Amino acid sequence: MNKRIYLASPNMSKEGYEQKYIKEAFDANWITTLGENVNKFEEEIAQYVGIKNAVALSSGTATIHMALKAAGVQKGDIVFCSTLTFSATTNPIIYENATPVYIDSEEETWNMDPVALEKAFEKYPNPKAVIAVHLYGTPAKIDKIVEICKKHNTTLIEDAAESLGSTFKGKHTGTFGDYGVYSFNGNKIITTSGGGMLVSENEERMQKVRFWSTQAREKARHYEHKEIGYNYRMSNILAGIGRGQLRVLDERIEEKTQIYNTYKEAFKDIKEIKMQPIPENTVVNHWLSVMTLEPNSKVKPLDIMEALEKENIESRPVWKPMHMQPVFKDYDFIKVKEKAVSEDLFDRGVCLPSDTNMTKEDMERIINIIKGLF
């Protein structure tokens, strides 16, 4: 059996930064939630992306949930949400008994289409929030989305789970909206094994998130609770891993970019293959390198995935849009084109191995297998 090549696996720093911070937590006997690493990790992320406040939480999903609560989303409220994403983006809308309305993608970034978003506001004038995703690390047309949300006085939550380190016009994704969400799941560009970070300029709301995420315990000698709370805070151990990983984030972005550029160069003469576009005025972290096949291609996405699988190489389809998921099929979907852009990308897309642990030989192996199909 050939060596396993993963889509995206954790990559600890060769300098051992993570071990240093974990050891400090053990030495202090402070391994549970909160602690020095948690405080410092919040400060360091806030400083890295250029924002005032950050709260470290147990997962990206918990982070979206807290953003929705901070935005005041309640039962019966409507929340506009990118359809081309992972279900973790939209599940918390249901946790709050709110109603998602899914918004189609546009072709230039694969993210939420501002034209479709405006169309959604025409149909539903008073949504409580908008969740816009930066897919696979590529920034959305976030300036236009911000403009639309401000015009309609609607809270914007940026799901930057996949795009930590990506920028639009020099500003970090996650810092344009009212709230920004990052994920440190095991496959993300940096990881804490599991975890997330909420960022915002709104200090009052972020203090409220800290309160809710530590079981909404009131300041009293006894255990006093006036609101429902959640056990959502990050542990001091995981924050230590995150601090170590943050020190190599720029290095990981360089490595991910090299992977993307290697694929792009290798496939430039195969007219059926197009790599995910890089929009103007952006720096993309290239968390995953994704390709699409032209509609007339005789080679289909499944052919590529099966050929790689036979060689013990992991690849994936593009996210299946949320409006196509059985669990969300009854919710409204707003599109501009007759065939939804998100559905088209799902039909034609392949997420290629984008693991920063890959060697040059690993990449040659992947590329030769794919080229061999054409």
Protein backbone atom coordinates (compact mmCIF):
# COMPACT_ATOMS: atom_id res chain seq x y z
CA MET A 1 0.00 0.00 0.00
CA ASN A 2 1.33 3.42 -0.98
CA LYS A 3 1.94 6.05 1.69
CA ARG A 4 -1.28 7.83 2.70
CA ILE A 5 -1.57 11.42 1.47
CA TYR A 6 -4.18 13.48 3.32
CA LEU A 7 -6.39 16.31 2.14
CA ALA A 8 -5.17 18.53 5.01
CA SER A 9 -3.66 17.18 8.22
CA PRO A 10 -2.29 18.94 11.33
CA ASN A 11 1.29 20.20 11.02
CA MET A 12 3.04 21.04 14.28
CA SER A 13 5.95 23.51 14.23
CA LYS A 14 9.39 21.93 13.84
CA GLU A 15 10.60 24.36 16.52
CA GLY A 16 8.23 22.78 19.08
CA TYR A 17 6.46 26.03 20.02
CA GLU A 18 3.27 24.12 20.86
CA GLN A 19 5.07 21.83 23.35
CA LYS A 20 6.58 24.87 25.09
CA TYR A 21 3.19 26.47 25.77
CA ILE A 22 1.58 23.15 26.75
CA LYS A 23 4.41 22.50 29.21
CA GLU A 24 3.87 25.93 30.76
CA ALA A 25 0.20 25.01 31.33
CA PHE A 26 1.17 21.68 32.93
CA ASP A 27 3.86 23.31 35.06
CA ALA A 28 1.28 25.78 36.33
CA ASN A 29 -1.21 22.91 36.84
CA TRP A 30 -3.68 25.00 34.82
CA ILE A 31 -4.99 22.70 32.10
CA THR A 32 -8.71 23.38 32.22
CA THR A 33 -10.73 26.20 30.61
CA LEU A 34 -9.26 29.68 30.85
CA GLY A 35 -5.71 30.41 31.99
CA GLU A 36 -2.67 32.28 30.69
CA ASN A 37 -2.58 30.55 27.28
CA VAL A 38 -6.25 31.37 26.64
CA ASN A 39 -5.75 35.04 27.49
CA LYS A 40 -2.58 35.30 25.41
CA PHE A 41 -4.04 33.37 22.44
CA GLU A 42 -6.98 35.80 22.35
CA GLU A 43 -4.62 38.79 22.49
CA GLU A 44 -2.32 37.35 19.82
CA ILE A 45 -5.13 36.53 17.36
CA ALA A 46 -6.67 39.99 17.88
CA GLN A 47 -3.30 41.59 17.23
CA TYR A 48 -2.62 39.41 14.16
CA VAL A 49 -5.90 40.30 12.42
CA GLY A 50 -6.02 43.86 13.73
CA ILE A 51 -9.13 43.96 15.91
CA LYS A 52 -9.88 44.91 19.52
CA ASN A 53 -11.55 41.84 21.00
CA ALA A 54 -11.26 38.05 20.67
CA VAL A 55 -12.88 35.21 22.64
CA ALA A 56 -11.46 31.66 22.42
CA LEU A 57 -14.16 28.98 22.25
CA SER A 58 -14.39 25.20 21.97
CA SER A 59 -15.18 25.02 18.23
CA GLY A 60 -15.92 27.09 15.16
CA THR A 61 -19.55 25.95 15.43
CA ALA A 62 -19.81 27.23 19.01
CA THR A 63 -18.28 30.49 17.78
CA ILE A 64 -20.98 30.96 15.10
CA HIS A 65 -23.61 30.10 17.72
CA MET A 66 -22.29 32.80 20.06
CA ALA A 67 -22.11 35.32 17.20
CA LEU A 68 -25.78 34.68 16.42
CA LYS A 69 -26.71 35.13 20.09
CA ALA A 70 -24.62 38.31 20.28
CA ALA A 71 -26.53 39.56 17.22
CA GLY A 72 -29.80 38.98 19.08
CA VAL A 73 -31.05 36.16 16.84
CA GLN A 74 -34.11 34.50 18.37
CA LYS A 75 -36.92 32.10 17.52
CA GLY A 76 -38.61 32.99 14.25
CA ASP A 77 -35.91 35.39 13.04
CA ILE A 78 -34.59 35.08 9.48
CA VAL A 79 -30.85 34.70 8.88
CA PHE A 80 -29.36 34.91 5.36
CA CYS A 81 -26.55 32.37 4.92
CA SER A 82 -24.13 31.32 2.17
CA THR A 83 -25.34 28.05 0.70
CA LEU A 84 -21.93 26.83 -0.48
CA THR A 85 -20.38 25.92 2.87
CA PHE A 86 -20.12 23.19 5.50
CA SER A 87 -23.19 22.54 7.65
CA ALA A 88 -21.43 23.99 10.74
CA THR A 89 -22.10 27.46 9.27
CA THR A 90 -25.85 27.01 9.33
CA ASN A 91 -26.57 24.50 12.14
CA PRO A 92 -26.39 27.20 14.87
CA ILE A 93 -29.20 29.12 13.12
CA ILE A 94 -31.40 26.10 13.87
CA TYR A 95 -30.06 25.88 17.46
CA GLU A 96 -31.66 29.30 18.03
CA ASN A 97 -34.92 28.22 16.33
CA ALA A 98 -34.35 30.83 13.64
CA THR A 99 -34.98 30.35 9.91
CA PRO A 100 -32.11 30.19 7.40
CA VAL A 101 -32.52 31.57 3.90
CA TYR A 102 -29.73 30.35 1.64
CA ILE A 103 -27.95 32.67 -0.79
CA ASP A 104 -26.27 31.45 -3.99
CA SER A 105 -22.62 31.98 -4.96
CA GLU A 106 -21.10 34.07 -7.73
CA GLU A 107 -18.44 32.79 -10.13
CA GLU A 108 -15.55 35.17 -9.41
CA THR A 109 -15.00 34.14 -5.77
CA TRP A 110 -17.45 31.21 -5.35
CA ASN A 111 -18.82 33.07 -2.32
CA MET A 112 -22.12 34.78 -1.47
CA ASP A 113 -23.42 36.69 -4.50
CA PRO A 114 -24.14 40.33 -3.55
CA VAL A 115 -26.78 40.48 -6.32
CA ALA A 116 -28.57 37.46 -4.84
CA LEU A 117 -28.20 39.01 -1.37
CA GLU A 118 -29.98 42.18 -2.53
CA LYS A 119 -32.68 40.00 -4.07
CA ALA A 120 -33.09 38.24 -0.69
CA PHE A 121 -33.55 41.61 1.06
CA GLU A 122 -36.31 42.46 -1.44
CA LYS A 123 -38.15 39.27 -0.50
CA TYR A 124 -37.33 39.35 3.23
CA PRO A 125 -36.74 43.02 4.22
CA ASN A 126 -35.94 42.42 7.90
CA PRO A 127 -33.51 39.55 8.48
CA LYS A 128 -31.75 39.56 11.83
CA ALA A 129 -28.29 38.69 10.45
CA VAL A 130 -26.25 37.68 7.41
CA ILE A 131 -23.61 34.92 7.56
CA ALA A 132 -21.15 35.26 4.68
CA VAL A 133 -18.47 32.58 4.17
CA HIS A 134 -14.93 33.01 2.79
CA LEU A 135 -14.80 29.65 1.03
CA TYR A 136 -11.58 27.58 1.03
CA GLY A 137 -9.70 30.68 2.17
CA THR A 138 -10.81 32.93 -0.72
CA PRO A 139 -12.27 36.28 0.39
CA ALA A 140 -15.84 37.03 -0.65
CA LYS A 141 -16.83 40.33 -2.28
CA ILE A 142 -16.93 41.51 1.29
CA ASP A 143 -16.93 45.27 0.56
CA LYS A 144 -20.19 44.91 -1.39
CA ILE A 145 -21.70 42.60 1.25
CA VAL A 146 -20.79 45.07 4.03
CA GLU A 147 -22.35 47.92 2.02
CA ILE A 148 -25.61 45.98 1.55
CA CYS A 149 -25.80 44.98 5.24
CA LYS A 150 -25.18 48.57 6.37
CA LYS A 151 -27.82 49.88 3.97
CA HIS A 152 -30.36 47.46 5.49
CA ASN A 153 -29.05 47.91 9.06
CA THR A 154 -28.40 44.17 9.41
CA THR A 155 -25.70 42.46 11.47
CA LEU A 156 -22.98 40.80 9.38
CA ILE A 157 -21.21 37.67 10.67
CA GLU A 158 -18.18 36.60 8.65
CA ASP A 159 -17.51 32.86 8.63
CA ALA A 160 -13.74 33.07 8.16
CA ALA A 161 -13.28 29.53 9.53
CA GLU A 162 -11.28 28.58 6.44
CA SER A 163 -9.66 31.96 5.72
CA LEU A 164 -7.46 32.95 8.68
CA GLY A 165 -4.61 35.01 7.20
CA SER A 166 -6.47 35.89 3.99
CA THR A 167 -6.92 39.59 3.26
CA PHE A 168 -9.09 41.84 1.08
CA LYS A 169 -7.52 45.21 0.20
CA GLY A 170 -4.99 44.64 2.98
CA LYS A 171 -7.58 43.98 5.70
CA HIS A 172 -8.05 40.54 7.28
CA THR A 173 -11.14 38.46 6.58
CA GLY A 174 -13.21 38.23 9.75
CA THR A 175 -12.72 41.93 10.57
CA PHE A 176 -15.12 43.53 8.07
CA GLY A 177 -18.39 42.48 9.66
CA ASP A 178 -19.83 42.97 13.14
CA TYR A 179 -18.44 39.55 14.13
CA GLY A 180 -15.77 37.29 12.65
CA VAL A 181 -15.39 33.55 13.18
CA TYR A 182 -12.20 31.46 12.91
CA SER A 183 -11.88 27.69 13.28
CA PHE A 184 -8.92 25.66 14.56
CA ASN A 185 -10.29 22.23 13.68
CA GLY A 186 -7.70 19.53 12.92
CA ASN A 187 -7.72 20.16 9.16
CA LYS A 188 -7.53 23.98 9.27
CA ILE A 189 -4.47 26.04 8.31
CA ILE A 190 -3.53 26.15 12.00
CA THR A 191 -5.13 23.89 14.59
CA THR A 192 -5.76 23.52 18.30
CA SER A 193 -7.19 20.03 17.55
CA GLY A 194 -10.61 21.58 18.05
CA GLY A 195 -11.48 25.19 18.76
CA GLY A 196 -12.64 28.53 17.46
CA MET A 197 -12.23 32.27 17.97
CA LEU A 198 -14.83 35.03 17.83
CA VAL A 199 -13.56 38.53 17.02
CA SER A 200 -15.35 41.87 17.13
CA GLU A 201 -14.85 45.56 17.83
CA ASN A 202 -17.94 45.46 20.08
CA GLU A 203 -16.51 45.05 23.57
CA GLU A 204 -19.87 44.94 25.37
CA ARG A 205 -21.18 42.09 23.22
CA MET A 206 -17.92 40.17 23.53
CA GLN A 207 -18.10 40.39 27.32
CA LYS A 208 -21.59 38.92 27.00
CA VAL A 209 -20.19 36.06 24.90
CA ARG A 210 -17.60 35.36 27.61
CA PHE A 211 -20.45 35.24 30.14
CA TRP A 212 -22.69 32.92 28.08
CA SER A 213 -19.83 30.61 27.13
CA THR A 214 -18.87 30.02 30.79
CA GLN A 215 -22.37 28.76 31.74
CA ALA A 216 -23.83 32.27 32.27
CA ARG A 217 -22.82 32.22 35.90
CA GLU A 218 -23.73 35.44 37.72
CA LYS A 219 -21.33 37.16 40.10
CA ALA A 220 -22.43 35.65 43.39
CA ARG A 221 -20.89 33.45 46.07
CA HIS A 222 -23.30 30.64 45.19
CA TYR A 223 -24.13 29.41 41.67
CA GLU A 224 -26.65 31.91 40.35
CA HIS A 225 -28.04 31.72 36.78
CA LYS A 226 -30.51 34.14 35.19
CA GLU A 227 -29.82 33.08 31.58
CA ILE A 228 -29.09 29.85 29.74
CA GLY A 229 -25.34 29.31 29.48
CA TYR A 230 -23.00 27.11 27.46
CA ASN A 231 -19.80 25.21 28.20
CA TYR A 232 -18.03 26.70 25.21
CA ARG A 233 -14.70 28.08 26.45
CA MET A 234 -11.38 26.81 25.09
CA SER A 235 -9.06 24.89 27.43
CA ASN A 236 -5.67 26.26 28.44
CA ILE A 237 -3.96 23.23 26.82
CA LEU A 238 -5.63 23.74 23.45
CA ALA A 239 -4.91 27.48 23.56
CA GLY A 240 -1.24 26.58 24.11
CA ILE A 241 -1.28 24.54 20.90
CA GLY A 242 -2.93 27.49 19.16
CA ARG A 243 -0.29 29.96 20.35
CA GLY A 244 2.45 27.72 18.98
CA GLN A 245 0.62 27.27 15.69
CA LEU A 246 0.03 30.99 15.30
CA ARG A 247 3.79 31.51 15.23
CA VAL A 248 4.00 29.46 12.00
CA LEU A 249 0.78 30.70 10.36
CA ASP A 250 2.57 32.89 7.78
CA GLU A 251 4.84 29.95 6.94
CA ARG A 252 1.79 27.71 6.45
CA ILE A 253 0.20 30.28 4.13
CA GLU A 254 3.38 30.31 2.03
CA GLU A 255 3.35 26.50 1.87
CA LYS A 256 -0.35 26.36 0.94
CA THR A 257 0.23 29.00 -1.75
CA GLN A 258 3.11 26.96 -3.16
CA ILE A 259 0.82 23.91 -3.35
CA TYR A 260 -1.83 25.92 -5.24
CA ASN A 261 0.75 27.40 -7.64
CA THR A 262 2.26 23.95 -8.29
CA TYR A 263 -1.15 22.57 -9.30
CA LYS A 264 -1.93 25.62 -11.42
CA GLU A 265 1.37 25.36 -13.31
CA ALA A 266 1.04 21.57 -13.74
CA PHE A 267 -2.47 21.77 -15.22
CA LYS A 268 -2.09 24.95 -17.30
CA ASP A 269 -2.08 23.03 -20.59
CA ILE A 270 -5.13 20.90 -19.77
CA LYS A 271 -7.97 23.09 -21.04
CA GLU A 272 -10.61 21.12 -19.12
CA ILE A 273 -9.09 22.07 -15.73
CA LYS A 274 -9.50 25.43 -14.00
CA MET A 275 -8.19 26.21 -10.51
CA GLN A 276 -10.31 28.26 -8.08
CA PRO A 277 -9.91 31.90 -9.15
CA ILE A 278 -7.95 34.43 -7.09
CA PRO A 279 -9.95 37.67 -6.91
CA GLU A 280 -8.32 41.09 -7.36
CA ASN A 281 -7.07 42.94 -4.26
CA THR A 282 -6.85 39.74 -2.20
CA VAL A 283 -4.25 37.62 -0.50
CA VAL A 284 -5.61 34.06 -0.30
CA ASN A 285 -4.39 31.56 2.31
CA HIS A 286 -5.22 28.67 -0.11
CA TRP A 287 -6.40 26.47 2.77
CA LEU A 288 -7.57 24.01 0.11
CA SER A 289 -6.55 23.99 -3.55
CA VAL A 290 -9.73 23.37 -5.53
CA MET A 291 -10.20 22.72 -9.22
CA THR A 292 -13.21 22.56 -11.50
CA LEU A 293 -13.62 20.62 -14.71
CA GLU A 294 -15.17 22.24 -17.77
CA PRO A 295 -18.73 21.01 -18.51
CA ASN A 296 -17.54 19.26 -21.71
CA SER A 297 -14.74 17.36 -19.93
CA LYS A 298 -14.88 13.59 -20.51
CA VAL A 299 -13.03 13.16 -17.20
CA LYS A 300 -15.45 13.77 -14.32
CA PRO A 301 -14.75 14.72 -10.68
CA LEU A 302 -15.55 11.18 -9.55
CA ASP A 303 -12.96 9.78 -11.98
CA ILE A 304 -10.27 11.94 -10.36
CA MET A 305 -11.34 11.14 -6.79
CA GLU A 306 -11.49 7.39 -7.48
CA ALA A 307 -8.11 7.38 -9.27
CA LEU A 308 -6.53 9.14 -6.27
CA GLU A 309 -8.34 6.90 -3.78
CA LYS A 310 -6.89 3.79 -5.46
CA GLU A 311 -3.43 5.21 -4.70
CA ASN A 312 -4.31 5.94 -1.04
CA ILE A 313 -4.66 9.68 -1.67
CA GLU A 314 -7.47 11.68 -0.07
CA SER A 315 -9.52 14.21 -2.06
CA ARG A 316 -13.08 15.50 -1.68
CA PRO A 317 -15.96 16.94 -3.65
CA VAL A 318 -16.71 20.64 -3.28
CA TRP A 319 -19.16 21.26 -0.41
CA LYS A 320 -22.67 20.13 -1.26
CA PRO A 321 -24.77 23.32 -1.04
CA MET A 322 -26.95 23.62 2.05
CA HIS A 323 -30.16 24.14 0.07
CA MET A 324 -29.56 20.69 -1.50
CA GLN A 325 -29.12 18.96 1.87
CA PRO A 326 -32.11 16.81 2.92
CA VAL A 327 -32.20 18.39 6.39
CA PHE A 328 -32.43 21.95 4.98
CA LYS A 329 -34.45 21.33 1.79
CA ASP A 330 -37.59 23.11 3.07
CA TYR A 331 -35.83 26.47 3.56
CA ASP A 332 -35.82 29.16 0.89
CA PHE A 333 -32.94 29.57 -1.55
CA ILE A 334 -32.21 32.78 -3.46
CA LYS A 335 -30.31 32.65 -6.77
CA VAL A 336 -29.80 34.87 -9.79
CA LYS A 337 -28.91 32.40 -12.57
CA GLU A 338 -31.24 29.66 -13.78
CA LYS A 339 -28.73 26.98 -12.77
CA ALA A 340 -27.40 27.90 -9.36
CA VAL A 341 -23.68 28.69 -9.37
CA SER A 342 -23.23 26.71 -6.14
CA GLU A 343 -24.85 23.61 -7.69
CA ASP A 344 -22.64 23.94 -10.77
CA LEU A 345 -19.48 24.15 -8.61
CA PHE A 346 -20.61 21.11 -6.62
CA ASP A 347 -21.13 19.18 -9.87
CA ARG A 348 -17.73 20.11 -11.36
CA GLY A 349 -15.38 20.64 -8.41
CA VAL A 350 -12.66 18.59 -6.69
CA CYS A 351 -10.77 19.56 -3.51
CA LEU A 352 -7.20 18.41 -4.14
CA PRO A 353 -4.74 17.25 -1.47
CA SER A 354 -3.48 20.46 0.18
CA ASP A 355 -1.49 19.05 3.07
CA THR A 356 1.53 21.08 4.18
CA ASN A 357 3.15 17.78 5.21
CA MET A 358 3.33 16.68 1.54
CA THR A 359 6.71 16.30 -0.13
CA LYS A 360 7.63 17.37 -3.66
CA GLU A 361 7.46 13.68 -4.63
CA ASP A 362 3.94 13.40 -3.16
CA MET A 363 2.77 16.30 -5.30
CA GLU A 364 4.38 14.82 -8.43
CA ARG A 365 2.55 11.57 -7.71
CA ILE A 366 -0.83 13.35 -7.41
CA ILE A 367 -0.26 15.45 -10.52
CA ASN A 368 0.83 12.46 -12.64
CA ILE A 369 -2.25 10.46 -11.63
CA ILE A 370 -4.56 13.33 -12.63
CA LYS A 371 -2.70 14.12 -15.85
CA GLY A 372 -2.82 10.44 -16.76
CA LEU A 373 -6.64 10.62 -16.91
CA PHE A 374 -6.46 13.23 -19.69
